[in-house]
Amino acid sequence: MDYDQFDADFTRVYDAAGAGLSTEDLKAEIERLQRVAEGIENAADRERAGHDIAMLEDLVAHDDDPPPSPAMIEAFGAYKAAILDEGTAAERIARAEKGIEEIERIADKADPEEELSIGGMAETLHMLIGSLRPDLQ
């Protein structure tokens, strides 16, 4: 299995969670996605899938919290676009840098309570850029 197949399945579950999927059903989907992720051949892609699953686990952990705000949803969309595993290392770095700019713009306008969480997505993109730099040499 490759990450793109996993990502299509993950996106379906994430969208269902946003549309009101019950906590119990979400937990079952998380367990299923964990099994699916174990079958991803590429180690880096398996790690990315693990980060995606962690976001769903965070939703379960914060089940009593209000639904994600429009800013959080927008930031997650920018994050998902920025981590696409397509193109050269230079193209991926440029995409991640664009994602950082977009996420920081969103964080600047977000409620103070969400600013840190949204900023964490940018930090993850900084780590991605750091991991890609050796590929340019």
Protein backbone atom coordinates (compact mmCIF):
# COMPACT_ATOMS: atom_id res chain seq x y z
CA MET A 1 0.00 0.00 0.00
CA ASP A 2 1.15 3.54 -0.60
CA TYR A 3 0.45 6.76 1.28
CA ASP A 4 -1.97 8.11 -1.34
CA GLN A 5 -4.28 5.14 -0.79
CA PHE A 6 -4.06 5.63 2.97
CA ASP A 7 -4.63 9.38 2.62
CA ALA A 8 -7.84 8.90 0.64
CA ASP A 9 -9.15 6.64 3.40
CA PHE A 10 -7.91 8.99 6.13
CA THR A 11 -9.59 11.98 4.47
CA ARG A 12 -12.89 10.11 4.34
CA VAL A 13 -12.65 9.37 8.08
CA TYR A 14 -11.55 12.93 8.92
CA ASP A 15 -14.47 14.37 6.96
CA ALA A 16 -16.87 11.96 8.67
CA ALA A 17 -15.50 13.01 12.06
CA GLY A 18 -16.17 16.63 11.18
CA ALA A 19 -19.68 15.70 10.09
CA GLY A 20 -20.51 14.16 13.46
CA LEU A 21 -19.19 10.59 13.40
CA SER A 22 -19.71 9.15 16.89
CA THR A 23 -16.73 8.81 19.20
CA GLU A 24 -17.08 5.03 19.27
CA ASP A 25 -17.18 4.83 15.48
CA LEU A 26 -14.20 7.18 15.24
CA LYS A 27 -12.23 4.99 17.66
CA ALA A 28 -12.99 1.96 15.49
CA GLU A 29 -11.89 3.87 12.37
CA ILE A 30 -8.65 4.91 14.10
CA GLU A 31 -7.87 1.28 14.96
CA ARG A 32 -8.58 0.27 11.36
CA LEU A 33 -6.41 3.10 9.98
CA GLN A 34 -3.58 2.03 12.29
CA ARG A 35 -3.70 -1.46 10.78
CA VAL A 36 -3.81 0.01 7.28
CA ALA A 37 -0.85 2.31 8.04
CA GLU A 38 1.24 -0.67 9.14
CA GLY A 39 0.97 -1.92 5.55
CA ILE A 40 2.48 1.22 4.01
CA GLU A 41 5.77 0.13 2.51
CA ASN A 42 7.72 3.40 2.67
CA ALA A 43 8.92 4.17 6.23
CA ALA A 44 8.61 7.95 5.82
CA ASP A 45 5.07 7.55 4.51
CA ARG A 46 4.23 5.24 7.43
CA GLU A 47 5.44 8.00 9.76
CA ARG A 48 3.29 10.59 7.96
CA ALA A 49 0.30 8.28 8.30
CA GLY A 50 1.07 7.99 12.01
CA HIS A 51 0.95 11.79 12.32
CA ASP A 52 -2.40 11.84 10.52
CA ILE A 53 -3.78 9.18 12.85
CA ALA A 54 -2.50 11.16 15.85
CA MET A 55 -4.70 14.07 14.71
CA LEU A 56 -7.73 11.78 14.81
CA GLU A 57 -6.69 10.50 18.23
CA ASP A 58 -6.51 14.11 19.36
CA LEU A 59 -10.12 14.56 18.25
CA VAL A 60 -11.13 11.62 20.44
CA ALA A 61 -9.11 12.97 23.37
CA HIS A 62 -10.94 16.28 23.05
CA ASP A 63 -14.35 14.78 22.38
CA ASP A 64 -16.06 17.12 24.85
CA ASP A 65 -14.47 20.13 23.20
CA PRO A 66 -16.42 22.15 20.66
CA PRO A 67 -15.94 21.18 17.00
CA PRO A 68 -12.87 22.54 15.20
CA SER A 69 -13.13 26.19 14.28
CA PRO A 70 -13.01 27.40 10.69
CA ALA A 71 -9.43 28.59 11.36
CA MET A 72 -8.37 25.13 12.55
CA ILE A 73 -10.00 23.47 9.54
CA GLU A 74 -8.35 25.97 7.17
CA ALA A 75 -4.96 25.43 8.83
CA PHE A 76 -5.30 21.66 8.56
CA GLY A 77 -6.12 22.00 4.86
CA ALA A 78 -3.00 24.12 4.33
CA TYR A 79 -0.96 21.57 6.29
CA LYS A 80 -2.24 18.63 4.24
CA ALA A 81 -1.43 20.46 0.99
CA ALA A 82 2.06 21.33 2.25
CA ILE A 83 3.05 17.76 3.15
CA LEU A 84 2.26 16.22 -0.24
CA ASP A 85 4.99 13.76 -1.09
CA GLU A 86 5.26 14.72 -4.76
CA GLY A 87 8.05 16.32 -6.75
CA THR A 88 11.70 16.96 -6.08
CA ALA A 89 13.08 17.83 -2.67
CA ALA A 90 13.29 21.48 -3.76
CA GLU A 91 9.63 21.46 -4.85
CA ARG A 92 8.56 19.82 -1.60
CA ILE A 93 10.55 22.38 0.42
CA ALA A 94 8.93 25.23 -1.52
CA ARG A 95 5.49 23.72 -0.90
CA ALA A 96 6.25 23.32 2.82
CA GLU A 97 7.52 26.91 3.03
CA LYS A 98 4.32 28.14 1.37
CA GLY A 99 2.35 26.04 3.86
CA ILE A 100 4.24 27.60 6.77
CA GLU A 101 3.41 31.09 5.50
CA GLU A 102 -0.26 30.18 5.12
CA ILE A 103 -0.47 28.51 8.53
CA GLU A 104 1.27 31.44 10.22
CA ARG A 105 -1.20 33.81 8.53
CA ILE A 106 -4.09 31.72 9.84
CA ALA A 107 -2.55 31.49 13.33
CA ASP A 108 -2.14 35.28 13.47
CA LYS A 109 -5.89 35.69 12.95
CA ALA A 110 -6.95 32.75 15.17
CA ASP A 111 -8.21 32.92 18.70
CA PRO A 112 -5.34 32.93 21.21
CA GLU A 113 -6.47 29.51 22.46
CA GLU A 114 -5.96 28.01 19.00
CA GLU A 115 -2.88 29.93 17.97
CA LEU A 116 -0.47 27.45 19.60
CA SER A 117 -2.15 24.39 18.09
CA ILE A 118 -2.18 25.93 14.64
CA GLY A 119 1.43 27.04 15.06
CA GLY A 120 2.36 23.44 15.86
CA MET A 121 1.45 22.51 12.30
CA ALA A 122 4.01 25.02 11.04
CA GLU A 123 6.63 23.52 13.36
CA THR A 124 6.00 20.10 11.83
CA LEU A 125 6.57 21.62 8.38
CA HIS A 126 9.86 23.13 9.58
CA MET A 127 10.91 19.61 10.61
CA LEU A 128 9.91 18.30 7.17
CA ILE A 129 12.05 20.96 5.51
CA GLY A 130 14.98 20.01 7.75
CA SER A 131 14.63 16.37 6.76
CA LEU A 132 14.59 17.27 3.06
CA ARG A 133 17.62 19.58 3.05
CA PRO A 134 20.20 16.76 2.73
CA ASP A 135 18.44 15.63 -0.48
CA LEU A 136 19.46 18.89 -2.13
CA GLN A 137 23.16 18.32 -1.62
